[in-house]
Amino acid sequence: MIPLYTISTCVLFMKLAFCAIPLSFTPPQNASQPILKSFVSFSIEFSSFPDFAGNSSSPNTFSYNLLTNLQQLQGSYPIIRVGGNTQDYATFNATQTQAVIGTFNFSRSADYPTTITIGPSYFDSYSTWPNVTFLHGFNLANNGTLGYDTLVGTVPLVCKALDTSKLAYFQLGNEPDLYKTSSQGPVRPSWWNETDYVDEWLNKTRLIRQIVQQDCPDVISQGKFEFYAPSFGGTGNSLNLLTTWNAGLDTDNDIACIDSHNYIGGATQPGVTLQGTLMNHTSTVLSVSHHLNESRLLSGTGIPYILGETNSLYNEGAPGLSNSFGAALWGVDFNLYCAATGIRRTHMHQGTNYRYASWQPTQTVNETLGTKAPYYGNIMVAAFLGDLTTSNVSIADIELGSIYQNAYAAYVDGRLERIAVVQMNEYNTTHGTTGTRPGETFSFQVPAAAGATLRGVSVQRLIANGSDAITGITFDGISYNYELEQGKPVVLSNVTRGEVLQVAQNGAVSVDVPWSSAAILNLQW
């Protein structure tokens, strides 16, 4: 197959001609700002956090192994946001011995409890992962006496559990732009608007600050009292992010990151498919576009715009879609497109038994303990970005003019170092019985530069037997399965790795990429 590219020097109309995509040695005009450290981060459902982290007497080492793998690639641990819908259902009971007591109402949600109390032992889960920092989500939705008592009761426990070493940020409320219209029950009156929300936000964040000043003064003195906000669910909801910001949300200058949420589609939306919705670059571009518009309009603030909660399909994902290898490929394209276009960090949402989860932290009647397909996408993204703590890394989008494929270039300290290719044409495991797996050849023209000669190119591949696979996935010949070393990397002997590409005299390099797979080209100067 001959790919059709829209790069000006590579437009082919009915011509079977060789064409290499020209790349620049230094970051092009469309390259991103340097990527923030911990770009690959996670959001964990509030009610699920004790499952993922364990507690001091029984820490979840499997989860920690998976987080450590990412730390070794991107230089710092993922920042863990503890929040989601259930943060706004959770109330505090100071005499409760259990960390979480949750009651399910299946008419509201089959995936998480909607009546929740937490006890003081909940905060012990923050002690289990050394060197990991957290973002704790406070309940904003409960607006009565119980909500006030919960806020006042939990702030001291949070700041003492996290202190300055584990605290990344705070958060107040989850998706308040849905408070008036939530299908699970409105929690604000119809007249509640952006100004009302800002007034409430300022009153309660000032209360939090007073308590933190009293119980954890070092958090204030060391400049750690900062928030992700407003944590809106996205465009078209009952509150507008720009209007909210202009109404004075950051009056107290305590917002560290402008936080919005994003899902490509819904788990039960009509017409949602693996190829048409997830393994689809155009779908990703359209989904991210409104965030890019918001970030441009707010660029004058100088505050990073991030996605504090995101994943494939809302309502916790769809089986056969969100838990498949195709979703891992979607995750690579989505996250690298975000990085290339100015989204400064992404928190991929997780939860116990969630279909789109990167891993299942405990064995349940609904789900098997283990590493899931999307985690391998997280690994490839971290590998492509590299160590963000020691170098400035910028990402450039290389649009290939195709719905089902895209490429990205990574510039490290101003020099082209890596190229990623994501090939999303659907190839199911059943196709393996009918013939050879299709693929395409991608060619890149790597520029020469004074004092730098391209000596070689090595390849790391993300691959499985097909886009519908949920097991048998590797990145660079490595498995992160629980069954092997509890999530630690294990090199498999039956998977090819160490592949090296030939570089032509003119600097051109070509790589074959099978359908439903991805590859990183590491340039050796």
Protein backbone atom coordinates (compact mmCIF):
# COMPACT_ATOMS: atom_id res chain seq x y z
CA MET A 1 0.00 0.00 0.00
CA ILE A 2 1.24 3.50 -0.82
CA PRO A 3 0.14 6.07 1.78
CA LEU A 4 -1.21 9.39 0.55
CA TYR A 5 0.28 12.30 2.45
CA THR A 6 -0.79 15.93 2.34
CA ILE A 7 2.63 17.40 3.10
CA SER A 8 3.23 19.86 0.25
CA THR A 9 6.24 18.03 -1.17
CA CYS A 10 4.57 14.66 -0.80
CA VAL A 11 1.19 15.01 -2.46
CA LEU A 12 0.62 12.02 -4.69
CA PHE A 13 -2.31 11.91 -7.03
CA MET A 14 -2.59 8.49 -8.69
CA LYS A 15 1.18 8.19 -8.69
CA LEU A 16 3.04 5.18 -7.33
CA ALA A 17 6.11 7.24 -6.52
CA PHE A 18 8.42 7.17 -3.54
CA CYS A 19 7.94 10.14 -1.29
CA ALA A 20 9.57 10.93 2.05
CA ILE A 21 8.01 13.35 4.51
CA PRO A 22 10.51 16.16 5.19
CA LEU A 23 11.29 16.88 8.83
CA SER A 24 13.26 19.73 10.37
CA PHE A 25 16.29 19.24 12.58
CA THR A 26 15.10 21.90 15.05
CA PRO A 27 11.53 22.39 16.30
CA PRO A 28 9.20 23.65 13.55
CA GLN A 29 6.77 26.50 14.04
CA ASN A 30 3.94 24.17 15.07
CA ALA A 31 5.94 22.43 17.80
CA SER A 32 4.54 22.59 21.31
CA GLN A 33 5.95 24.38 24.31
CA PRO A 34 8.18 22.13 26.44
CA ILE A 35 6.00 19.39 27.91
CA LEU A 36 5.24 19.59 31.63
CA LYS A 37 6.74 16.84 33.76
CA SER A 38 4.39 13.97 34.61
CA PHE A 39 2.52 14.48 31.35
CA VAL A 40 1.29 10.88 31.61
CA SER A 41 -0.80 11.08 34.77
CA PHE A 42 -3.92 9.44 36.14
CA SER A 43 -7.25 10.26 37.72
CA ILE A 44 -8.61 7.60 40.07
CA GLU A 45 -12.28 7.44 41.04
CA PHE A 46 -12.61 8.63 44.65
CA SER A 47 -14.47 5.51 45.82
CA SER A 48 -11.92 3.25 44.06
CA PHE A 49 -8.76 4.84 45.45
CA PRO A 50 -8.32 2.42 48.40
CA ASP A 51 -8.51 -0.47 45.92
CA PHE A 52 -5.79 1.04 43.75
CA ALA A 53 -3.48 2.13 46.57
CA GLY A 54 -4.22 -0.30 49.39
CA ASN A 55 -3.26 0.89 52.86
CA SER A 56 -0.15 1.03 55.04
CA SER A 57 -0.60 -2.54 56.28
CA SER A 58 -1.37 -3.92 52.81
CA PRO A 59 -0.10 -1.61 50.04
CA ASN A 60 -1.05 -2.37 46.46
CA THR A 61 2.42 -3.08 45.08
CA PHE A 62 1.05 -4.08 41.68
CA SER A 63 -0.29 -0.57 41.13
CA TYR A 64 2.97 0.90 42.37
CA ASN A 65 5.00 -1.26 39.97
CA LEU A 66 2.96 0.04 37.04
CA LEU A 67 3.43 3.65 38.17
CA THR A 68 7.17 3.06 38.61
CA ASN A 69 7.45 1.78 35.03
CA LEU A 70 6.12 5.14 33.83
CA GLN A 71 8.41 7.04 36.19
CA GLN A 72 11.42 5.30 34.72
CA LEU A 73 10.40 6.44 31.25
CA GLN A 74 9.20 10.02 31.83
CA GLY A 75 11.45 10.87 34.77
CA SER A 76 8.73 11.48 37.36
CA TYR A 77 5.77 9.57 38.69
CA PRO A 78 2.32 10.21 37.30
CA ILE A 79 0.43 12.75 39.41
CA ILE A 80 -2.58 10.95 40.87
CA ARG A 81 -5.84 12.89 40.98
CA VAL A 82 -8.23 11.30 43.50
CA GLY A 83 -11.67 12.44 42.43
CA GLY A 84 -14.43 11.95 39.90
CA ASN A 85 -18.17 11.69 40.38
CA THR A 86 -17.87 9.93 43.72
CA GLN A 87 -15.85 12.74 45.32
CA ASP A 88 -19.11 14.71 45.19
CA TYR A 89 -21.06 11.83 46.78
CA ALA A 90 -18.62 11.21 49.64
CA THR A 91 -19.41 12.51 53.11
CA PHE A 92 -17.29 12.14 56.24
CA ASN A 93 -18.00 10.07 59.34
CA ALA A 94 -15.32 10.62 61.98
CA THR A 95 -16.31 7.47 63.92
CA GLN A 96 -16.33 5.12 60.91
CA THR A 97 -13.59 2.49 61.03
CA GLN A 98 -13.82 1.41 57.37
CA ALA A 99 -12.12 3.54 54.75
CA VAL A 100 -15.19 3.56 52.48
CA ILE A 101 -18.77 2.41 52.89
CA GLY A 102 -20.65 2.65 49.61
CA THR A 103 -24.20 1.79 48.60
CA PHE A 104 -25.07 1.15 44.97
CA ASN A 105 -28.21 2.51 43.39
CA PHE A 106 -28.24 0.77 40.01
CA SER A 107 -30.79 3.21 38.60
CA ARG A 108 -28.12 5.91 39.05
CA SER A 109 -24.95 3.96 38.30
CA ALA A 110 -24.00 0.30 38.07
CA ASP A 111 -20.29 1.11 38.23
CA TYR A 112 -19.83 2.97 41.49
CA PRO A 113 -21.69 3.66 44.73
CA THR A 114 -23.71 6.86 44.87
CA THR A 115 -24.19 6.94 48.64
CA ILE A 116 -20.74 7.04 50.24
CA THR A 117 -19.24 7.71 53.63
CA ILE A 118 -15.52 7.78 54.31
CA GLY A 119 -13.74 7.43 57.63
CA PRO A 120 -10.36 8.67 58.85
CA SER A 121 -8.69 5.47 57.60
CA TYR A 122 -9.45 6.51 54.02
CA PHE A 123 -6.47 8.85 54.13
CA ASP A 124 -4.09 6.06 55.10
CA SER A 125 -4.12 5.05 51.42
CA TYR A 126 -2.03 8.15 50.68
CA SER A 127 0.90 6.52 52.52
CA THR A 128 1.43 3.54 50.22
CA TRP A 129 3.23 4.89 47.13
CA PRO A 130 6.64 6.49 47.87
CA ASN A 131 7.50 9.61 45.84
CA VAL A 132 4.04 9.81 44.24
CA THR A 133 2.20 13.13 44.54
CA PHE A 134 -1.55 13.52 44.71
CA LEU A 135 -4.40 15.85 43.93
CA HIS A 136 -7.24 15.43 46.43
CA GLY A 137 -10.81 16.21 45.39
CA PHE A 138 -13.16 17.77 47.95
CA ASN A 139 -16.96 17.45 47.83
CA LEU A 140 -18.58 20.62 46.46
CA ALA A 141 -21.92 19.20 45.33
CA ASN A 142 -23.26 18.57 48.84
CA ASN A 143 -24.19 22.10 49.84
CA GLY A 144 -25.88 21.63 53.22
CA THR A 145 -24.67 21.14 56.77
CA LEU A 146 -23.38 17.67 55.95
CA GLY A 147 -21.32 19.07 53.09
CA TYR A 148 -19.87 21.79 55.31
CA ASP A 149 -19.03 19.31 58.07
CA THR A 150 -17.40 17.00 55.52
CA LEU A 151 -15.21 19.80 54.20
CA VAL A 152 -14.19 21.00 57.65
CA GLY A 153 -13.61 17.44 58.86
CA THR A 154 -11.51 16.22 55.95
CA VAL A 155 -9.26 19.20 55.14
CA PRO A 156 -7.00 18.62 58.20
CA LEU A 157 -6.76 14.90 57.45
CA VAL A 158 -5.88 15.53 53.81
CA CYS A 159 -3.20 18.12 54.43
CA LYS A 160 -1.61 16.05 57.21
CA ALA A 161 -1.67 12.86 55.11
CA LEU A 162 -0.11 14.59 52.12
CA ASP A 163 1.93 17.38 53.79
CA THR A 164 4.22 19.19 51.38
CA SER A 165 6.01 16.11 50.04
CA LYS A 166 2.98 14.27 48.63
CA LEU A 167 0.68 17.19 47.82
CA ALA A 168 0.52 18.23 44.19
CA TYR A 169 -2.74 20.23 44.16
CA PHE A 170 -6.22 20.41 45.63
CA GLN A 171 -9.52 20.24 43.77
CA LEU A 172 -12.98 21.40 44.84
CA GLY A 173 -15.88 19.73 43.07
CA ASN A 174 -16.13 17.48 40.04
CA GLU A 175 -17.76 18.86 36.87
CA PRO A 176 -19.89 21.55 38.51
CA ASP A 177 -21.04 22.59 35.04
CA LEU A 178 -23.30 19.51 35.27
CA TYR A 179 -24.72 20.24 38.73
CA LYS A 180 -27.98 21.64 37.33
CA THR A 181 -28.51 19.01 34.67
CA SER A 182 -26.98 15.74 35.90
CA SER A 183 -28.93 12.63 34.90
CA GLN A 184 -28.09 11.28 38.36
CA GLY A 185 -30.00 14.13 39.97
CA PRO A 186 -29.50 17.93 39.91
CA VAL A 187 -27.76 19.39 42.97
CA ARG A 188 -28.16 23.09 42.17
CA PRO A 189 -31.22 25.18 41.18
CA SER A 190 -31.92 26.12 37.58
CA TRP A 191 -30.93 29.75 38.15
CA TRP A 192 -27.43 28.89 39.47
CA ASN A 193 -24.95 30.50 37.05
CA GLU A 194 -21.24 31.18 36.60
CA THR A 195 -21.24 34.07 39.08
CA ASP A 196 -23.00 31.95 41.70
CA TYR A 197 -20.48 29.18 41.18
CA VAL A 198 -17.52 31.57 41.51
CA ASP A 199 -18.94 33.04 44.73
CA GLU A 200 -19.31 29.55 46.16
CA TRP A 201 -15.86 28.54 44.97
CA LEU A 202 -14.19 31.57 46.57
CA ASN A 203 -16.02 31.14 49.88
CA LYS A 204 -15.11 27.48 50.19
CA THR A 205 -11.52 27.69 48.94
CA ARG A 206 -10.94 30.50 51.45
CA LEU A 207 -12.35 28.27 54.17
CA ILE A 208 -10.01 25.47 53.06
CA ARG A 209 -7.09 27.89 53.17
CA GLN A 210 -7.93 28.96 56.74
CA ILE A 211 -7.99 25.34 57.90
CA VAL A 212 -4.77 24.48 56.08
CA GLN A 213 -3.08 27.54 57.57
CA GLN A 214 -4.07 26.33 61.02
CA ASP A 215 -3.27 22.62 60.63
CA CYS A 216 -0.57 22.50 57.93
CA PRO A 217 1.07 25.94 57.76
CA ASP A 218 4.02 24.62 55.71
CA VAL A 219 1.63 24.02 52.79
CA ILE A 220 0.95 27.76 52.72
CA SER A 221 4.48 28.97 53.41
CA GLN A 222 5.96 26.72 50.72
CA GLY A 223 3.48 27.86 48.07
CA LYS A 224 1.74 24.49 47.82
CA PHE A 225 -1.80 25.77 48.30
CA GLU A 226 -2.93 25.46 44.67
CA PHE A 227 -5.90 24.07 42.77
CA TYR A 228 -6.90 22.42 39.54
CA ALA A 229 -10.03 24.31 38.45
CA PRO A 230 -12.79 24.54 37.36
CA SER A 231 -12.80 20.81 36.44
CA PHE A 232 -15.67 21.26 34.00
CA GLY A 233 -17.07 18.31 32.08
CA GLY A 234 -16.70 19.94 28.66
CA THR A 235 -18.39 22.11 26.08
CA GLY A 236 -22.14 22.61 25.84
CA ASN A 237 -22.92 22.17 29.54
CA SER A 238 -24.76 24.63 31.76
CA LEU A 239 -21.71 26.66 32.79
CA ASN A 240 -19.17 28.14 30.40
CA LEU A 241 -15.49 27.94 31.30
CA LEU A 242 -14.53 31.30 29.79
CA THR A 243 -17.47 33.08 31.41
CA THR A 244 -16.55 31.45 34.72
CA TRP A 245 -12.95 32.59 34.45
CA ASN A 246 -13.99 36.13 33.58
CA ALA A 247 -16.31 36.12 36.61
CA GLY A 248 -13.24 35.97 38.84
CA LEU A 249 -12.52 32.31 39.49
CA ASP A 250 -8.81 33.04 40.03
CA THR A 251 -9.32 36.14 42.16
CA ASP A 252 -7.07 34.67 44.86
CA ASN A 253 -4.36 33.58 42.39
CA ASP A 254 -4.44 30.01 43.66
CA ILE A 255 -5.23 28.13 40.44
CA ALA A 256 -2.17 26.28 39.17
CA CYS A 257 -3.79 24.57 36.17
CA ILE A 258 -6.91 25.32 34.15
CA ASP A 259 -8.67 21.97 34.25
CA SER A 260 -11.20 20.58 31.81
CA HIS A 261 -12.41 17.03 31.14
CA ASN A 262 -12.80 15.14 27.89
CA TYR A 263 -14.21 11.89 26.50
CA ILE A 264 -14.29 10.99 22.81
CA GLY A 265 -17.85 9.65 23.07
CA GLY A 266 -20.24 7.70 25.25
CA ALA A 267 -20.24 4.00 26.03
CA THR A 268 -23.89 3.64 24.98
CA GLN A 269 -24.05 6.28 22.26
CA PRO A 270 -25.54 4.95 19.01
CA GLY A 271 -22.98 4.34 16.31
CA VAL A 272 -19.90 4.15 18.54
CA THR A 273 -17.38 1.72 17.03
CA LEU A 274 -13.71 0.92 17.42
CA GLN A 275 -12.76 2.11 13.93
CA GLY A 276 -15.21 4.98 13.59
CA THR A 277 -14.83 6.47 17.07
CA LEU A 278 -11.56 5.45 18.71
CA MET A 279 -9.14 4.32 16.02
CA ASN A 280 -9.88 7.50 14.13
CA HIS A 281 -7.55 10.50 14.08
CA THR A 282 -10.28 12.82 12.80
CA SER A 283 -12.44 11.93 15.80
CA THR A 284 -9.59 12.86 18.12
CA VAL A 285 -8.94 16.17 16.35
CA LEU A 286 -12.61 17.16 16.58
CA SER A 287 -12.87 16.13 20.22
CA VAL A 288 -9.82 18.12 21.30
CA SER A 289 -10.67 21.20 19.20
CA HIS A 290 -12.87 22.96 21.76
CA HIS A 291 -10.17 22.57 24.40
CA LEU A 292 -7.66 24.14 22.05
CA ASN A 293 -10.03 27.05 21.50
CA GLU A 294 -10.41 27.54 25.26
CA SER A 295 -6.67 27.27 25.84
CA ARG A 296 -5.97 29.89 23.15
CA LEU A 297 -8.51 32.29 24.62
CA LEU A 298 -7.00 31.78 28.09
CA SER A 299 -3.37 31.83 26.99
CA GLY A 300 -2.90 35.32 28.40
CA THR A 301 -3.27 33.92 31.91
CA GLY A 302 0.02 32.06 31.59
CA ILE A 303 -1.60 29.13 33.43
CA PRO A 304 -1.23 25.66 31.88
CA TYR A 305 -4.38 24.14 30.37
CA ILE A 306 -4.68 20.46 31.23
CA LEU A 307 -7.16 17.59 31.01
CA GLY A 308 -7.69 16.58 34.63
CA GLU A 309 -9.95 13.69 33.67
CA THR A 310 -10.12 11.98 30.32
CA ASN A 311 -10.43 8.59 28.69
CA SER A 312 -12.09 6.89 25.75
CA LEU A 313 -15.86 6.55 26.34
CA TYR A 314 -17.70 8.14 29.26
CA ASN A 315 -19.84 5.97 31.54
CA GLU A 316 -16.68 4.00 32.29
CA GLY A 317 -16.14 2.62 28.80
CA ALA A 318 -17.65 -0.11 26.65
CA PRO A 319 -16.56 -3.78 26.67
CA GLY A 320 -14.90 -4.84 23.44
CA LEU A 321 -13.99 -1.22 22.70
CA SER A 322 -12.44 0.59 25.67
CA ASN A 323 -10.59 -2.49 26.94
CA SER A 324 -9.16 -3.48 23.56
CA PHE A 325 -5.78 -2.96 21.94
CA GLY A 326 -7.51 -0.50 19.61
CA ALA A 327 -8.15 1.69 22.65
CA ALA A 328 -4.42 1.57 23.43
CA LEU A 329 -3.68 2.86 19.93
CA TRP A 330 -6.34 5.54 20.41
CA GLY A 331 -4.62 6.50 23.67
CA VAL A 332 -1.30 6.98 21.91
CA ASP A 333 -2.77 9.16 19.17
CA PHE A 334 -4.98 11.12 21.58
CA ASN A 335 -2.25 11.85 24.11
CA LEU A 336 0.41 12.74 21.56
CA TYR A 337 -2.03 14.99 19.70
CA CYS A 338 -2.82 16.72 23.00
CA ALA A 339 0.88 17.13 23.75
CA ALA A 340 1.58 18.51 20.28
CA THR A 341 -1.23 21.05 20.36
CA GLY A 342 -0.72 22.62 23.77
CA ILE A 343 -2.62 20.46 26.26
CA ARG A 344 0.02 20.43 28.96
CA ARG A 345 -0.89 17.27 30.91
CA THR A 346 -3.49 14.49 30.76
CA HIS A 347 -4.95 12.44 33.62
CA MET A 348 -6.38 9.19 32.27
CA HIS A 349 -9.33 8.23 34.47
CA GLN A 350 -9.40 4.86 36.25
CA GLY A 351 -11.79 2.98 38.48
CA THR A 352 -12.38 -0.49 39.87
CA ASN A 353 -14.10 -2.63 37.20
CA TYR A 354 -14.03 0.22 34.67
CA ARG A 355 -13.87 -0.98 31.07
CA TYR A 356 -11.37 1.70 30.02
CA ALA A 357 -9.04 1.22 33.00
CA SER A 358 -5.32 0.77 32.39
CA TRP A 359 -5.28 -1.88 35.09
CA GLN A 360 -7.62 -3.69 37.45
CA PRO A 361 -6.13 -3.26 40.94
CA THR A 362 -7.96 -6.07 42.76
CA GLN A 363 -9.78 -9.27 41.92
CA THR A 364 -13.57 -8.86 41.88
CA VAL A 365 -16.54 -10.88 40.68
CA ASN A 366 -16.73 -8.55 37.68
CA GLU A 367 -13.11 -8.19 36.61
CA THR A 368 -9.81 -10.05 36.73
CA LEU A 369 -6.83 -8.51 38.49
CA GLY A 370 -4.30 -7.50 35.87
CA THR A 371 -2.74 -5.10 33.39
CA LYS A 372 -5.17 -4.00 30.67
CA ALA A 373 -4.60 -3.03 27.05
CA PRO A 374 -4.77 0.78 27.56
CA TYR A 375 -1.76 0.65 29.89
CA TYR A 376 0.47 -0.27 26.96
CA GLY A 377 -0.63 2.94 25.25
CA ASN A 378 0.38 4.86 28.40
CA ILE A 379 3.79 3.19 28.22
CA MET A 380 4.37 4.13 24.58
CA VAL A 381 3.41 7.76 25.21
CA ALA A 382 5.85 7.96 28.14
CA ALA A 383 8.60 6.28 26.10
CA PHE A 384 8.10 8.71 23.22
CA LEU A 385 8.13 11.80 25.43
CA GLY A 386 11.18 10.56 27.34
CA ASP A 387 12.63 11.99 30.53
CA LEU A 388 10.84 15.30 31.00
CA THR A 389 12.79 16.14 34.14
CA THR A 390 16.21 16.42 32.50
CA SER A 391 15.41 17.81 29.04
CA ASN A 392 13.08 20.21 27.29
CA VAL A 393 10.85 18.10 25.05
CA SER A 394 8.59 19.59 22.40
CA ILE A 395 6.20 17.63 20.19
CA ALA A 396 5.23 18.44 16.62
CA ASP A 397 2.15 17.04 14.89
CA ILE A 398 2.90 15.52 11.47
CA GLU A 399 -0.49 15.33 9.81
CA LEU A 400 -0.56 12.52 7.25
CA GLY A 401 -3.87 13.47 5.67
CA SER A 402 -5.54 10.25 6.78
CA ILE A 403 -8.34 9.38 9.16
CA TYR A 404 -6.57 6.24 10.29
CA GLN A 405 -2.92 7.21 10.74
CA ASN A 406 -0.79 10.00 12.11
CA ALA A 407 2.78 10.76 13.08
CA TYR A 408 4.57 12.93 15.62
CA ALA A 409 8.11 14.25 16.06
CA ALA A 410 9.83 14.71 19.43
CA TYR A 411 12.44 17.45 19.78
CA VAL A 412 14.74 17.09 22.77
CA ASP A 413 16.62 20.24 23.77
CA GLY A 414 16.00 21.62 20.30
CA ARG A 415 17.02 18.58 18.25
CA LEU A 416 14.91 15.96 16.48
CA GLU A 417 15.26 12.73 18.45
CA ARG A 418 12.18 10.55 17.89
CA ILE A 419 9.35 9.93 15.43
CA ALA A 420 6.13 8.13 16.33
CA VAL A 421 3.79 6.54 13.79
CA VAL A 422 0.30 5.35 14.76
CA GLN A 423 -1.40 3.11 12.18
CA MET A 424 -5.07 2.72 13.11
CA ASN A 425 -6.57 0.83 10.21
CA GLU A 426 -8.59 -1.88 11.89
CA TYR A 427 -7.14 -5.40 11.81
CA ASN A 428 -8.96 -7.89 14.01
CA THR A 429 -7.54 -11.11 15.38
CA THR A 430 -9.94 -13.08 13.15
CA HIS A 431 -8.25 -11.58 10.09
CA GLY A 432 -5.10 -13.52 10.94
CA THR A 433 -6.69 -16.68 9.60
CA THR A 434 -7.47 -15.18 6.19
CA GLY A 435 -4.11 -13.93 4.93
CA THR A 436 -1.14 -11.63 5.47
CA ARG A 437 -1.59 -8.67 7.78
CA PRO A 438 -1.69 -5.47 5.72
CA GLY A 439 0.72 -2.67 6.44
CA GLU A 440 2.09 0.57 5.08
CA THR A 441 5.53 2.01 4.58
CA PHE A 442 6.21 5.43 6.06
CA SER A 443 9.25 7.33 4.86
CA PHE A 444 10.81 10.39 6.49
CA GLN A 445 13.49 12.74 5.23
CA VAL A 446 15.71 13.43 8.23
CA PRO A 447 17.71 16.63 7.70
CA ALA A 448 21.44 16.93 7.95
CA ALA A 449 22.84 19.50 10.34
CA ALA A 450 26.25 20.94 11.08
CA GLY A 451 28.06 18.72 13.56
CA ALA A 452 25.30 16.10 13.58
CA THR A 453 25.28 12.96 11.46
CA LEU A 454 22.47 10.42 11.65
CA ARG A 455 24.22 7.15 12.47
CA GLY A 456 21.19 4.90 12.75
CA VAL A 457 17.56 4.46 13.69
CA SER A 458 16.20 1.88 16.12
CA VAL A 459 12.54 0.87 16.35
CA GLN A 460 10.24 0.15 19.28
CA ARG A 461 6.88 -1.36 18.36
CA LEU A 462 3.50 -1.42 20.10
CA ILE A 463 1.70 -4.46 18.76
CA ALA A 464 -0.82 -7.24 19.43
CA ASN A 465 -2.56 -9.87 17.31
CA GLY A 466 -5.23 -7.37 16.35
CA SER A 467 -7.15 -4.27 17.33
CA ASP A 468 -9.74 -6.35 19.21
CA ALA A 469 -7.12 -8.16 21.32
CA ILE A 470 -7.30 -7.70 25.07
CA THR A 471 -4.24 -9.83 25.87
CA GLY A 472 -0.92 -10.65 24.22
CA ILE A 473 0.12 -7.00 23.93
CA THR A 474 3.76 -5.86 24.01
CA PHE A 475 5.75 -2.67 23.68
CA ASP A 476 9.30 -3.14 22.43
CA GLY A 477 8.96 -6.85 23.12
CA ILE A 478 8.16 -6.20 26.78
CA SER A 479 5.15 -7.43 28.75
CA TYR A 480 3.86 -5.69 31.87
CA ASN A 481 1.40 -8.42 32.80
CA TYR A 482 0.58 -9.08 36.42
CA GLU A 483 1.02 -12.82 35.90
CA LEU A 484 4.73 -12.46 35.07
CA GLU A 485 6.33 -10.08 37.59
CA GLN A 486 3.32 -8.25 39.04
CA GLY A 487 3.52 -5.52 36.42
CA LYS A 488 7.29 -5.11 36.27
CA PRO A 489 8.76 -5.17 32.73
CA VAL A 490 9.56 -8.62 31.37
CA VAL A 491 11.29 -9.08 28.01
CA LEU A 492 9.61 -11.85 26.02
CA SER A 493 11.79 -14.19 24.01
CA ASN A 494 9.20 -14.78 21.30
CA VAL A 495 8.75 -11.12 20.27
CA THR A 496 11.18 -9.33 17.96
CA ARG A 497 13.02 -6.33 19.39
CA GLY A 498 16.26 -4.54 18.66
CA GLU A 499 15.19 -3.71 15.10
CA VAL A 500 17.45 -1.24 13.27
CA LEU A 501 16.55 0.66 10.08
CA GLN A 502 18.82 1.56 7.21
CA VAL A 503 19.47 5.25 6.59
CA ALA A 504 19.93 6.35 2.98
CA GLN A 505 22.76 8.68 2.03
CA ASN A 506 20.28 11.52 1.66
CA GLY A 507 18.96 10.95 5.21
CA ALA A 508 15.77 9.14 4.21
CA VAL A 509 14.52 6.36 6.46
CA SER A 510 11.54 4.07 5.94
CA VAL A 511 9.60 1.88 8.35
CA ASP A 512 6.92 -0.72 7.70
CA VAL A 513 4.01 -0.44 10.14
CA PRO A 514 1.34 -3.18 10.14
CA TRP A 515 -2.29 -2.20 10.46
CA SER A 516 -3.42 -1.75 14.05
CA SER A 517 0.03 -1.08 15.48
CA ALA A 518 2.39 1.77 16.27
CA ALA A 519 6.12 2.38 16.25
CA ILE A 520 8.72 4.76 17.65
CA LEU A 521 11.79 5.57 15.57
CA ASN A 522 14.72 6.55 17.80
CA LEU A 523 17.28 8.63 15.93
CA GLN A 524 20.91 8.04 16.84
CA TRP A 525 23.04 11.07 16.07
